[in-house]
Amino acid sequence: MLTAKRVLIATICGFVFGLFCMYLASSNPDAAAPITSTTKWLIILSRTMLGFTIGISALRLSWWLHGIVLGIICSIPMAIPVLYDSGIAVGTVVMGIVYGVLTELITTKLFKAKAVGA
């Protein structure tokens, strides 16, 4: 069973982390090519999807493990197009883990919107 509070808070966290992630990705002055606006929107959408997925997930895991698992799962589609540069691909998945754990921390511990059945 879902709670609207959990889904909303986790999705908002994902959106905010998406904006932050997009800012970090586009602020690199040493990049070979600037990031397109389509890529910027995809970064925001991907991190928002991570938050939404955390909010609706019914996996029975501790909050930190839940954030790690869903961070990995939701970051893989964003890492596949950049497999030619293993540093970026690994960084994408690692930051997905960080954003997943932070989203779970904020949602579960700060706002006390625990997953039902967890």
PDB file of N, CA and C in Angstrom:
ATOM      1  N   MET A   1       0.836  -1.182   0.000  1.00  0.00           N
ATOM      2  CA  MET A   1       0.000   0.000   0.000  1.00  0.00           C
ATOM      3  C   MET A   1       0.879   1.243   0.000  1.00  0.00           C
ATOM      4  N   LEU A   2       0.544   2.190  -0.823  1.00  0.00           N
ATOM      5  CA  LEU A   2       1.307   3.418  -0.953  1.00  0.00           C
ATOM      6  C   LEU A   2       0.767   4.497  -0.032  1.00  0.00           C
ATOM      7  N   THR A   3       1.644   5.404   0.341  1.00  0.00           N
ATOM      8  CA  THR A   3       1.192   6.618   1.008  1.00  0.00           C
ATOM      9  C   THR A   3       1.557   7.784   0.099  1.00  0.00           C
ATOM     10  N   ALA A   4       0.617   8.682  -0.082  1.00  0.00           N
ATOM     11  CA  ALA A   4       0.842   9.820  -0.970  1.00  0.00           C
ATOM     12  C   ALA A   4       1.997  10.684  -0.472  1.00  0.00           C
ATOM     13  N   LYS A   5       2.129  10.793   0.852  1.00  0.00           N
ATOM     14  CA  LYS A   5       3.209  11.597   1.430  1.00  0.00           C
ATOM     15  C   LYS A   5       4.573  11.062   0.999  1.00  0.00           C
ATOM     16  N   ARG A   6       4.767   9.749   1.074  1.00  0.00           N
ATOM     17  CA  ARG A   6       6.053   9.145   0.713  1.00  0.00           C
ATOM     18  C   ARG A   6       6.357   9.347  -0.774  1.00  0.00           C
ATOM     19  N   VAL A   7       5.375   9.091  -1.622  1.00  0.00           N
ATOM     20  CA  VAL A   7       5.579   9.232  -3.065  1.00  0.00           C
ATOM     21  C   VAL A   7       5.908  10.683  -3.414  1.00  0.00           C
ATOM     22  N   LEU A   8       5.192  11.623  -2.839  1.00  0.00           N
ATOM     23  CA  LEU A   8       5.404  13.035  -3.144  1.00  0.00           C
ATOM     24  C   LEU A   8       6.776  13.513  -2.662  1.00  0.00           C
ATOM     25  N   ILE A   9       7.137  13.186  -1.442  1.00  0.00           N
ATOM     26  CA  ILE A   9       8.422  13.631  -0.900  1.00  0.00           C
ATOM     27  C   ILE A   9       9.577  13.009  -1.680  1.00  0.00           C
ATOM     28  N   ALA A  10       9.500  11.720  -1.956  1.00  0.00           N
ATOM     29  CA  ALA A  10      10.579  11.048  -2.692  1.00  0.00           C
ATOM     30  C   ALA A  10      10.701  11.602  -4.111  1.00  0.00           C
ATOM     31  N   THR A  11       9.583  11.883  -4.759  1.00  0.00           N
ATOM     32  CA  THR A  11       9.625  12.431  -6.123  1.00  0.00           C
ATOM     33  C   THR A  11      10.210  13.846  -6.123  1.00  0.00           C
ATOM     34  N   ILE A  12       9.836  14.658  -5.156  1.00  0.00           N
ATOM     35  CA  ILE A  12      10.398  16.007  -5.051  1.00  0.00           C
ATOM     36  C   ILE A  12      11.902  15.935  -4.792  1.00  0.00           C
ATOM     37  N   CYS A  13      12.320  15.034  -3.912  1.00  0.00           N
ATOM     38  CA  CYS A  13      13.757  14.853  -3.662  1.00  0.00           C
ATOM     39  C   CYS A  13      14.475  14.448  -4.945  1.00  0.00           C
ATOM     40  N   GLY A  14      13.894  13.524  -5.688  1.00  0.00           N
ATOM     41  CA  GLY A  14      14.497  13.104  -6.948  1.00  0.00           C
ATOM     42  C   GLY A  14      14.618  14.256  -7.928  1.00  0.00           C
ATOM     43  N   PHE A  15      13.598  15.089  -8.005  1.00  0.00           N
ATOM     44  CA  PHE A  15      13.634  16.245  -8.904  1.00  0.00           C
ATOM     45  C   PHE A  15      14.727  17.224  -8.495  1.00  0.00           C
ATOM     46  N   VAL A  16      14.814  17.522  -7.197  1.00  0.00           N
ATOM     47  CA  VAL A  16      15.842  18.447  -6.704  1.00  0.00           C
ATOM     48  C   VAL A  16      17.236  17.881  -6.962  1.00  0.00           C
ATOM     49  N   PHE A  17      17.427  16.578  -6.690  1.00  0.00           N
ATOM     50  CA  PHE A  17      18.719  15.963  -6.969  1.00  0.00           C
ATOM     51  C   PHE A  17      19.001  15.924  -8.469  1.00  0.00           C
ATOM     52  N   GLY A  18      17.962  15.816  -9.279  1.00  0.00           N
ATOM     53  CA  GLY A  18      18.136  15.877 -10.729  1.00  0.00           C
ATOM     54  C   GLY A  18      18.637  17.235 -11.177  1.00  0.00           C
ATOM     55  N   LEU A  19      18.079  18.300 -10.605  1.00  0.00           N
ATOM     56  CA  LEU A  19      18.556  19.646 -10.923  1.00  0.00           C
ATOM     57  C   LEU A  19      20.015  19.813 -10.508  1.00  0.00           C
ATOM     58  N   PHE A  20      20.340  19.315  -9.306  1.00  0.00           N
ATOM     59  CA  PHE A  20      21.712  19.407  -8.815  1.00  0.00           C
ATOM     60  C   PHE A  20      22.662  18.601  -9.699  1.00  0.00           C
ATOM     61  N   CYS A  21      22.247  17.410 -10.082  1.00  0.00           N
ATOM     62  CA  CYS A  21      23.060  16.545 -10.935  1.00  0.00           C
ATOM     63  C   CYS A  21      23.266  17.194 -12.309  1.00  0.00           C
ATOM     64  N   MET A  22      22.232  17.782 -12.846  1.00  0.00           N
ATOM     65  CA  MET A  22      22.331  18.456 -14.134  1.00  0.00           C
ATOM     66  C   MET A  22      23.274  19.649 -14.046  1.00  0.00           C
ATOM     67  N   TYR A  23      23.209  20.381 -12.947  1.00  0.00           N
ATOM     68  CA  TYR A  23      24.112  21.509 -12.744  1.00  0.00           C
ATOM     69  C   TYR A  23      25.566  21.036 -12.687  1.00  0.00           C
ATOM     70  N   LEU A  24      25.811  19.960 -11.941  1.00  0.00           N
ATOM     71  CA  LEU A  24      27.169  19.429 -11.848  1.00  0.00           C
ATOM     72  C   LEU A  24      27.681  18.945 -13.204  1.00  0.00           C
ATOM     73  N   ALA A  25      26.813  18.296 -13.957  1.00  0.00           N
ATOM     74  CA  ALA A  25      27.218  17.762 -15.260  1.00  0.00           C
ATOM     75  C   ALA A  25      27.504  18.869 -16.266  1.00  0.00           C
ATOM     76  N   SER A  26      26.784  19.964 -16.187  1.00  0.00           N
ATOM     77  CA  SER A  26      26.952  21.030 -17.176  1.00  0.00           C
ATOM     78  C   SER A  26      27.958  22.088 -16.753  1.00  0.00           C
ATOM     79  N   SER A  27      28.482  22.000 -15.537  1.00  0.00           N
ATOM     80  CA  SER A  27      29.395  23.040 -15.068  1.00  0.00           C
ATOM     81  C   SER A  27      30.863  22.693 -15.276  1.00  0.00           C
ATOM     82  N   ASN A  28      31.150  21.607 -15.978  1.00  0.00           N
ATOM     83  CA  ASN A  28      32.528  21.207 -16.209  1.00  0.00           C
ATOM     84  C   ASN A  28      33.113  22.006 -17.374  1.00  0.00           C
ATOM     85  N   PRO A  29      34.048  22.933 -17.109  1.00  0.00           N
ATOM     86  CA  PRO A  29      34.608  23.731 -18.204  1.00  0.00           C
ATOM     87  C   PRO A  29      35.576  22.944 -19.084  1.00  0.00           C
ATOM     88  N   ASP A  30      36.070  21.806 -18.589  1.00  0.00           N
ATOM     89  CA  ASP A  30      37.025  21.005 -19.349  1.00  0.00           C
ATOM     90  C   ASP A  30      36.366  19.952 -20.233  1.00  0.00           C
ATOM     91  N   ALA A  31      35.058  19.965 -20.320  1.00  0.00           N
ATOM     92  CA  ALA A  31      34.344  18.962 -21.115  1.00  0.00           C
ATOM     93  C   ALA A  31      34.672  19.132 -22.589  1.00  0.00           C
ATOM     94  N   ALA A  32      34.751  18.017 -23.285  1.00  0.00           N
ATOM     95  CA  ALA A  32      35.078  18.043 -24.713  1.00  0.00           C
ATOM     96  C   ALA A  32      33.968  18.715 -25.522  1.00  0.00           C
ATOM     97  N   ALA A  33      32.735  18.459 -25.123  1.00  0.00           N
ATOM     98  CA  ALA A  33      31.595  19.065 -25.804  1.00  0.00           C
ATOM     99  C   ALA A  33      30.570  19.476 -24.755  1.00  0.00           C
ATOM    100  N   PRO A  34      29.883  20.590 -24.985  1.00  0.00           N
ATOM    101  CA  PRO A  34      28.858  20.994 -24.010  1.00  0.00           C
ATOM    102  C   PRO A  34      27.693  20.016 -24.001  1.00  0.00           C
ATOM    103  N   ILE A  35      27.035  19.921 -22.869  1.00  0.00           N
ATOM    104  CA  ILE A  35      25.884  19.021 -22.729  1.00  0.00           C
ATOM    105  C   ILE A  35      24.676  19.665 -23.407  1.00  0.00           C
ATOM    106  N   THR A  36      23.992  18.892 -24.215  1.00  0.00           N
ATOM    107  CA  THR A  36      22.816  19.413 -24.925  1.00  0.00           C
ATOM    108  C   THR A  36      21.649  19.584 -23.961  1.00  0.00           C
ATOM    109  N   SER A  37      20.686  20.369 -24.381  1.00  0.00           N
ATOM    110  CA  SER A  37      19.511  20.580 -23.528  1.00  0.00           C
ATOM    111  C   SER A  37      18.708  19.281 -23.368  1.00  0.00           C
ATOM    112  N   THR A  38      18.726  18.433 -24.384  1.00  0.00           N
ATOM    113  CA  THR A  38      18.045  17.140 -24.278  1.00  0.00           C
ATOM    114  C   THR A  38      18.685  16.291 -23.186  1.00  0.00           C
ATOM    115  N   THR A  39      19.998  16.267 -23.132  1.00  0.00           N
ATOM    116  CA  THR A  39      20.695  15.504 -22.102  1.00  0.00           C
ATOM    117  C   THR A  39      20.406  16.075 -20.718  1.00  0.00           C
ATOM    118  N   LYS A  40      20.347  17.382 -20.618  1.00  0.00           N
ATOM    119  CA  LYS A  40      20.018  18.009 -19.332  1.00  0.00           C
ATOM    120  C   LYS A  40      18.642  17.577 -18.850  1.00  0.00           C
ATOM    121  N   TRP A  41      17.671  17.565 -19.750  1.00  0.00           N
ATOM    122  CA  TRP A  41      16.316  17.133 -19.374  1.00  0.00           C
ATOM    123  C   TRP A  41      16.287  15.651 -19.016  1.00  0.00           C
ATOM    124  N   LEU A  42      17.070  14.852 -19.724  1.00  0.00           N
ATOM    125  CA  LEU A  42      17.118  13.423 -19.411  1.00  0.00           C
ATOM    126  C   LEU A  42      17.731  13.163 -18.045  1.00  0.00           C
ATOM    127  N   ILE A  43      18.724  13.959 -17.659  1.00  0.00           N
ATOM    128  CA  ILE A  43      19.307  13.823 -16.321  1.00  0.00           C
ATOM    129  C   ILE A  43      18.264  14.133 -15.264  1.00  0.00           C
ATOM    130  N   ILE A  44      17.542  15.226 -15.436  1.00  0.00           N
ATOM    131  CA  ILE A  44      16.502  15.599 -14.473  1.00  0.00           C
ATOM    132  C   ILE A  44      15.421  14.526 -14.422  1.00  0.00           C
ATOM    133  N   LEU A  45      14.987  14.052 -15.577  1.00  0.00           N
ATOM    134  CA  LEU A  45      13.948  13.028 -15.638  1.00  0.00           C
ATOM    135  C   LEU A  45      14.405  11.726 -14.989  1.00  0.00           C
ATOM    136  N   SER A  46      15.648  11.338 -15.213  1.00  0.00           N
ATOM    137  CA  SER A  46      16.168  10.101 -14.642  1.00  0.00           C
ATOM    138  C   SER A  46      16.194  10.152 -13.118  1.00  0.00           C
ATOM    139  N   ARG A  47      16.667  11.248 -12.556  1.00  0.00           N
ATOM    140  CA  ARG A  47      16.736  11.364 -11.094  1.00  0.00           C
ATOM    141  C   ARG A  47      15.339  11.517 -10.489  1.00  0.00           C
ATOM    142  N   THR A  48      14.435  12.175 -11.211  1.00  0.00           N
ATOM    143  CA  THR A  48      13.056  12.255 -10.734  1.00  0.00           C
ATOM    144  C   THR A  48      12.412  10.876 -10.749  1.00  0.00           C
ATOM    145  N   MET A  49      12.715  10.088 -11.777  1.00  0.00           N
ATOM    146  CA  MET A  49      12.226   8.714 -11.845  1.00  0.00           C
ATOM    147  C   MET A  49      12.762   7.896 -10.674  1.00  0.00           C
ATOM    148  N   LEU A  50      14.018   8.119 -10.299  1.00  0.00           N
ATOM    149  CA  LEU A  50      14.594   7.433  -9.149  1.00  0.00           C
ATOM    150  C   LEU A  50      13.791   7.757  -7.892  1.00  0.00           C
ATOM    151  N   GLY A  51      13.498   9.019  -7.674  1.00  0.00           N
ATOM    152  CA  GLY A  51      12.705   9.403  -6.508  1.00  0.00           C
ATOM    153  C   GLY A  51      11.316   8.789  -6.525  1.00  0.00           C
ATOM    154  N   PHE A  52      10.665   8.835  -7.668  1.00  0.00           N
ATOM    155  CA  PHE A  52       9.329   8.251  -7.787  1.00  0.00           C
ATOM    156  C   PHE A  52       9.364   6.746  -7.541  1.00  0.00           C
ATOM    157  N   THR A  53      10.370   6.080  -8.087  1.00  0.00           N
ATOM    158  CA  THR A  53      10.505   4.639  -7.908  1.00  0.00           C
ATOM    159  C   THR A  53      10.727   4.293  -6.439  1.00  0.00           C
ATOM    160  N   ILE A  54      11.530   5.078  -5.751  1.00  0.00           N
ATOM    161  CA  ILE A  54      11.721   4.861  -4.318  1.00  0.00           C
ATOM    162  C   ILE A  54      10.406   5.054  -3.587  1.00  0.00           C
ATOM    163  N   GLY A  55       9.651   6.062  -3.990  1.00  0.00           N
ATOM    164  CA  GLY A  55       8.370   6.334  -3.324  1.00  0.00           C
ATOM    165  C   GLY A  55       7.345   5.229  -3.497  1.00  0.00           C
ATOM    166  N   ILE A  56       7.312   4.562  -4.648  1.00  0.00           N
ATOM    167  CA  ILE A  56       6.289   3.544  -4.885  1.00  0.00           C
ATOM    168  C   ILE A  56       6.769   2.120  -4.601  1.00  0.00           C
ATOM    169  N   SER A  57       8.057   1.969  -4.360  1.00  0.00           N
ATOM    170  CA  SER A  57       8.613   0.630  -4.191  1.00  0.00           C
ATOM    171  C   SER A  57       8.084  -0.051  -2.933  1.00  0.00           C
ATOM    172  N   ALA A  58       7.864  -1.346  -3.056  1.00  0.00           N
ATOM    173  CA  ALA A  58       7.398  -2.148  -1.925  1.00  0.00           C
ATOM    174  C   ALA A  58       8.435  -3.190  -1.520  1.00  0.00           C
ATOM    175  N   LEU A  59       9.689  -2.982  -1.920  1.00  0.00           N
ATOM    176  CA  LEU A  59      10.745  -3.911  -1.515  1.00  0.00           C
ATOM    177  C   LEU A  59      10.914  -3.858  -0.001  1.00  0.00           C
ATOM    178  N   ARG A  60      11.062  -5.005   0.596  1.00  0.00           N
ATOM    179  CA  ARG A  60      11.212  -5.056   2.053  1.00  0.00           C
ATOM    180  C   ARG A  60      12.687  -5.106   2.414  1.00  0.00           C
ATOM    181  N   LEU A  61      13.303  -3.938   2.384  1.00  0.00           N
ATOM    182  CA  LEU A  61      14.711  -3.774   2.707  1.00  0.00           C
ATOM    183  C   LEU A  61      14.834  -2.625   3.694  1.00  0.00           C
ATOM    184  N   SER A  62      15.968  -2.576   4.396  1.00  0.00           N
ATOM    185  CA  SER A  62      16.207  -1.414   5.245  1.00  0.00           C
ATOM    186  C   SER A  62      16.325  -0.183   4.348  1.00  0.00           C
ATOM    187  N   TRP A  63      16.084   0.981   4.912  1.00  0.00           N
ATOM    188  CA  TRP A  63      16.007   2.198   4.103  1.00  0.00           C
ATOM    189  C   TRP A  63      17.292   2.450   3.324  1.00  0.00           C
ATOM    190  N   TRP A  64      18.449   2.237   3.919  1.00  0.00           N
ATOM    191  CA  TRP A  64      19.712   2.525   3.237  1.00  0.00           C
ATOM    192  C   TRP A  64      19.977   1.527   2.111  1.00  0.00           C
ATOM    193  N   LEU A  65      19.655   0.245   2.342  1.00  0.00           N
ATOM    194  CA  LEU A  65      19.845  -0.757   1.302  1.00  0.00           C
ATOM    195  C   LEU A  65      18.849  -0.549   0.157  1.00  0.00           C
ATOM    196  N   HIS A  66      17.652  -0.121   0.511  1.00  0.00           N
ATOM    197  CA  HIS A  66      16.628   0.195  -0.485  1.00  0.00           C
ATOM    198  C   HIS A  66      17.116   1.312  -1.405  1.00  0.00           C
ATOM    199  N   GLY A  67      17.721   2.355  -0.822  1.00  0.00           N
ATOM    200  CA  GLY A  67      18.263   3.456  -1.628  1.00  0.00           C
ATOM    201  C   GLY A  67      19.398   3.015  -2.529  1.00  0.00           C
ATOM    202  N   ILE A  68      20.264   2.131  -2.015  1.00  0.00           N
ATOM    203  CA  ILE A  68      21.381   1.634  -2.816  1.00  0.00           C
ATOM    204  C   ILE A  68      20.882   0.816  -4.003  1.00  0.00           C
ATOM    205  N   VAL A  69      19.992  -0.124  -3.725  1.00  0.00           N
ATOM    206  CA  VAL A  69      19.498  -1.025  -4.778  1.00  0.00           C
ATOM    207  C   VAL A  69      18.771  -0.239  -5.871  1.00  0.00           C
ATOM    208  N   LEU A  70      17.857   0.627  -5.476  1.00  0.00           N
ATOM    209  CA  LEU A  70      17.112   1.384  -6.485  1.00  0.00           C
ATOM    210  C   LEU A  70      17.988   2.439  -7.162  1.00  0.00           C
ATOM    211  N   GLY A  71      18.986   2.962  -6.455  1.00  0.00           N
ATOM    212  CA  GLY A  71      19.925   3.887  -7.082  1.00  0.00           C
ATOM    213  C   GLY A  71      20.687   3.220  -8.209  1.00  0.00           C
ATOM    214  N   ILE A  72      21.117   1.975  -7.984  1.00  0.00           N
ATOM    215  CA  ILE A  72      21.818   1.225  -9.033  1.00  0.00           C
ATOM    216  C   ILE A  72      20.883   0.922 -10.200  1.00  0.00           C
ATOM    217  N   ILE A  73      19.709   0.390  -9.879  1.00  0.00           N
ATOM    218  CA  ILE A  73      18.764  -0.020 -10.928  1.00  0.00           C
ATOM    219  C   ILE A  73      18.346   1.168 -11.798  1.00  0.00           C
ATOM    220  N   CYS A  74      18.056   2.301 -11.175  1.00  0.00           N
ATOM    221  CA  CYS A  74      17.582   3.457 -11.940  1.00  0.00           C
ATOM    222  C   CYS A  74      18.704   4.202 -12.656  1.00  0.00           C
ATOM    223  N   SER A  75      19.949   3.981 -12.265  1.00  0.00           N
ATOM    224  CA  SER A  75      21.065   4.679 -12.912  1.00  0.00           C
ATOM    225  C   SER A  75      21.632   3.923 -14.101  1.00  0.00           C
ATOM    226  N   ILE A  76      21.383   2.640 -14.185  1.00  0.00           N
ATOM    227  CA  ILE A  76      21.929   1.846 -15.284  1.00  0.00           C
ATOM    228  C   ILE A  76      21.470   2.366 -16.658  1.00  0.00           C
ATOM    229  N   PRO A  77      20.176   2.689 -16.865  1.00  0.00           N
ATOM    230  CA  PRO A  77      19.790   3.204 -18.191  1.00  0.00           C
ATOM    231  C   PRO A  77      20.507   4.503 -18.560  1.00  0.00           C
ATOM    232  N   MET A  78      20.844   5.325 -17.570  1.00  0.00           N
ATOM    233  CA  MET A  78      21.535   6.572 -17.864  1.00  0.00           C
ATOM    234  C   MET A  78      23.025   6.332 -18.107  1.00  0.00           C
ATOM    235  N   ALA A  79      23.565   5.229 -17.585  1.00  0.00           N
ATOM    236  CA  ALA A  79      24.991   4.936 -17.745  1.00  0.00           C
ATOM    237  C   ALA A  79      25.298   4.213 -19.057  1.00  0.00           C
ATOM    238  N   ILE A  80      24.324   3.547 -19.630  1.00  0.00           N
ATOM    239  CA  ILE A  80      24.571   2.766 -20.853  1.00  0.00           C
ATOM    240  C   ILE A  80      25.063   3.625 -22.021  1.00  0.00           C
ATOM    241  N   PRO A  81      24.470   4.796 -22.304  1.00  0.00           N
ATOM    242  CA  PRO A  81      24.967   5.576 -23.442  1.00  0.00           C
ATOM    243  C   PRO A  81      26.389   6.113 -23.272  1.00  0.00           C
ATOM    244  N   VAL A  82      26.896   6.163 -22.050  1.00  0.00           N
ATOM    245  CA  VAL A  82      28.241   6.702 -21.835  1.00  0.00           C
ATOM    246  C   VAL A  82      29.240   5.610 -21.473  1.00  0.00           C
ATOM    247  N   LEU A  83      28.972   4.376 -21.893  1.00  0.00           N
ATOM    248  CA  LEU A  83      29.883   3.276 -21.597  1.00  0.00           C
ATOM    249  C   LEU A  83      31.239   3.443 -22.277  1.00  0.00           C
ATOM    250  N   TYR A  84      31.302   4.246 -23.324  1.00  0.00           N
ATOM    251  CA  TYR A  84      32.586   4.482 -23.991  1.00  0.00           C
ATOM    252  C   TYR A  84      33.573   5.176 -23.048  1.00  0.00           C
ATOM    253  N   ASP A  85      33.072   5.881 -22.057  1.00  0.00           N
ATOM    254  CA  ASP A  85      33.925   6.528 -21.057  1.00  0.00           C
ATOM    255  C   ASP A  85      33.584   5.917 -19.704  1.00  0.00           C
ATOM    256  N   SER A  86      34.370   4.926 -19.303  1.00  0.00           N
ATOM    257  CA  SER A  86      34.034   4.165 -18.100  1.00  0.00           C
ATOM    258  C   SER A  86      33.977   5.033 -16.852  1.00  0.00           C
ATOM    259  N   GLY A  87      34.748   6.113 -16.819  1.00  0.00           N
ATOM    260  CA  GLY A  87      34.714   7.005 -15.661  1.00  0.00           C
ATOM    261  C   GLY A  87      33.360   7.666 -15.485  1.00  0.00           C
ATOM    262  N   ILE A  88      32.775   8.115 -16.585  1.00  0.00           N
ATOM    263  CA  ILE A  88      31.458   8.744 -16.523  1.00  0.00           C
ATOM    264  C   ILE A  88      30.389   7.714 -16.175  1.00  0.00           C
ATOM    265  N   ALA A  89      30.478   6.527 -16.754  1.00  0.00           N
ATOM    266  CA  ALA A  89      29.487   5.476 -16.494  1.00  0.00           C
ATOM    267  C   ALA A  89      29.516   5.066 -15.024  1.00  0.00           C
ATOM    268  N   VAL A  90      30.698   4.848 -14.478  1.00  0.00           N
ATOM    269  CA  VAL A  90      30.808   4.472 -13.066  1.00  0.00           C
ATOM    270  C   VAL A  90      30.346   5.622 -12.181  1.00  0.00           C
ATOM    271  N   GLY A  91      30.727   6.843 -12.536  1.00  0.00           N
ATOM    272  CA  GLY A  91      30.288   8.006 -11.769  1.00  0.00           C
ATOM    273  C   GLY A  91      28.777   8.166 -11.758  1.00  0.00           C
ATOM    274  N   THR A  92      28.151   7.864 -12.881  1.00  0.00           N
ATOM    275  CA  THR A  92      26.692   7.943 -12.970  1.00  0.00           C
ATOM    276  C   THR A  92      26.031   6.967 -12.005  1.00  0.00           C
ATOM    277  N   VAL A  93      26.532   5.740 -11.954  1.00  0.00           N
ATOM    278  CA  VAL A  93      25.949   4.734 -11.067  1.00  0.00           C
ATOM    279  C   VAL A  93      26.257   5.065  -9.604  1.00  0.00           C
ATOM    280  N   VAL A  94      27.478   5.501  -9.325  1.00  0.00           N
ATOM    281  CA  VAL A  94      27.837   5.850  -7.944  1.00  0.00           C
ATOM    282  C   VAL A  94      26.986   7.019  -7.448  1.00  0.00           C
ATOM    283  N   MET A  95      26.814   8.029  -8.283  1.00  0.00           N
ATOM    284  CA  MET A  95      25.975   9.156  -7.867  1.00  0.00           C
ATOM    285  C   MET A  95      24.509   8.750  -7.750  1.00  0.00           C
ATOM    286  N   GLY A  96      24.069   7.783  -8.548  1.00  0.00           N
ATOM    287  CA  GLY A  96      22.722   7.245  -8.388  1.00  0.00           C
ATOM    288  C   GLY A  96      22.554   6.592  -7.027  1.00  0.00           C
ATOM    289  N   ILE A  97      23.585   5.877  -6.578  1.00  0.00           N
ATOM    290  CA  ILE A  97      23.548   5.268  -5.249  1.00  0.00           C
ATOM    291  C   ILE A  97      23.472   6.357  -4.179  1.00  0.00           C
ATOM    292  N   VAL A  98      24.296   7.391  -4.331  1.00  0.00           N
ATOM    293  CA  VAL A  98      24.301   8.487  -3.352  1.00  0.00           C
ATOM    294  C   VAL A  98      22.936   9.172  -3.321  1.00  0.00           C
ATOM    295  N   TYR A  99      22.385   9.495  -4.485  1.00  0.00           N
ATOM    296  CA  TYR A  99      21.081  10.152  -4.532  1.00  0.00           C
ATOM    297  C   TYR A  99      19.976   9.240  -4.002  1.00  0.00           C
ATOM    298  N   GLY A 100      20.082   7.933  -4.261  1.00  0.00           N
ATOM    299  CA  GLY A 100      19.098   6.993  -3.745  1.00  0.00           C
ATOM    300  C   GLY A 100      19.116   6.931  -2.228  1.00  0.00           C
ATOM    301  N   VAL A 101      20.304   6.855  -1.650  1.00  0.00           N
ATOM    302  CA  VAL A 101      20.411   6.810  -0.186  1.00  0.00           C
ATOM    303  C   VAL A 101      19.948   8.131   0.426  1.00  0.00           C
ATOM    304  N   LEU A 102      20.340   9.251  -0.189  1.00  0.00           N
ATOM    305  CA  LEU A 102      19.896  10.549   0.338  1.00  0.00           C
ATOM    306  C   LEU A 102      18.383  10.718   0.234  1.00  0.00           C
ATOM    307  N   THR A 103      17.808  10.275  -0.859  1.00  0.00           N
ATOM    308  CA  THR A 103      16.351  10.350  -1.007  1.00  0.00           C
ATOM    309  C   THR A 103      15.663   9.512   0.060  1.00  0.00           C
ATOM    310  N   GLU A 104      16.162   8.308   0.283  1.00  0.00           N
ATOM    311  CA  GLU A 104      15.591   7.455   1.329  1.00  0.00           C
ATOM    312  C   GLU A 104      15.789   8.066   2.716  1.00  0.00           C
ATOM    313  N   LEU A 105      16.954   8.624   2.969  1.00  0.00           N
ATOM    314  CA  LEU A 105      17.231   9.248   4.259  1.00  0.00           C
ATOM    315  C   LEU A 105      16.268  10.392   4.529  1.00  0.00           C
ATOM    316  N   ILE A 106      16.116  11.267   3.549  1.00  0.00           N
ATOM    317  CA  ILE A 106      15.223  12.413   3.714  1.00  0.00           C
ATOM    318  C   ILE A 106      13.772  11.959   3.852  1.00  0.00           C
ATOM    319  N   THR A 107      13.356  11.011   3.006  1.00  0.00           N
ATOM    320  CA  THR A 107      11.968  10.560   3.015  1.00  0.00           C
ATOM    321  C   THR A 107      11.634   9.769   4.269  1.00  0.00           C
ATOM    322  N   THR A 108      12.489   8.804   4.618  1.00  0.00           N
ATOM    323  CA  THR A 108      12.183   7.880   5.709  1.00  0.00           C
ATOM    324  C   THR A 108      12.498   8.456   7.079  1.00  0.00           C
ATOM    325  N   LYS A 109      13.645   9.064   7.215  1.00  0.00           N
ATOM    326  CA  LYS A 109      14.076   9.531   8.533  1.00  0.00           C
ATOM    327  C   LYS A 109      13.671  10.957   8.835  1.00  0.00           C
ATOM    328  N   LEU A 110      13.866  11.880   7.892  1.00  0.00           N
ATOM    329  CA  LEU A 110      13.567  13.285   8.154  1.00  0.00           C
ATOM    330  C   LEU A 110      12.054  13.547   8.165  1.00  0.00           C
ATOM    331  N   PHE A 111      11.359  13.050   7.135  1.00  0.00           N
ATOM    332  CA  PHE A 111       9.910  13.296   7.043  1.00  0.00           C
ATOM    333  C   PHE A 111       9.072  12.159   7.613  1.00  0.00           C
ATOM    334  N   LYS A 112       9.710  11.104   8.069  1.00  0.00           N
ATOM    335  CA  LYS A 112       9.038   9.951   8.694  1.00  0.00           C
ATOM    336  C   LYS A 112       7.953   9.353   7.807  1.00  0.00           C
ATOM    337  N   ALA A 113       8.232   9.278   6.506  1.00  0.00           N
ATOM    338  CA  ALA A 113       7.297   8.680   5.554  1.00  0.00           C
ATOM    339  C   ALA A 113       7.843   7.307   5.186  1.00  0.00           C
ATOM    340  N   LYS A 114       7.728   6.377   6.116  1.00  0.00           N
ATOM    341  CA  LYS A 114       8.283   5.041   5.909  1.00  0.00           C
ATOM    342  C   LYS A 114       7.451   4.265   4.902  1.00  0.00           C
ATOM    343  N   ALA A 115       8.129   3.327   4.252  1.00  0.00           N
ATOM    344  CA  ALA A 115       7.442   2.456   3.306  1.00  0.00           C
ATOM    345  C   ALA A 115       6.529   1.517   4.084  1.00  0.00           C
ATOM    346  N   VAL A 116       5.333   1.347   3.619  1.00  0.00           N
ATOM    347  CA  VAL A 116       4.380   0.466   4.276  1.00  0.00           C
ATOM    348  C   VAL A 116       4.804  -0.965   4.041  1.00  0.00           C
ATOM    349  N   GLY A 117       4.941  -1.718   5.096  1.00  0.00           N
ATOM    350  CA  GLY A 117       5.329  -3.117   4.996  1.00  0.00           C
ATOM    351  C   GLY A 117       6.828  -3.329   5.090  1.00  0.00           C
ATOM    352  N   ALA A 118       7.588  -2.254   5.199  1.00  0.00           N
ATOM    353  CA  ALA A 118       9.044  -2.404   5.302  1.00  0.00           C
ATOM    354  C   ALA A 118       9.460  -2.595   6.744  1.00  0.00           C
TER     355      ALA A 118
END
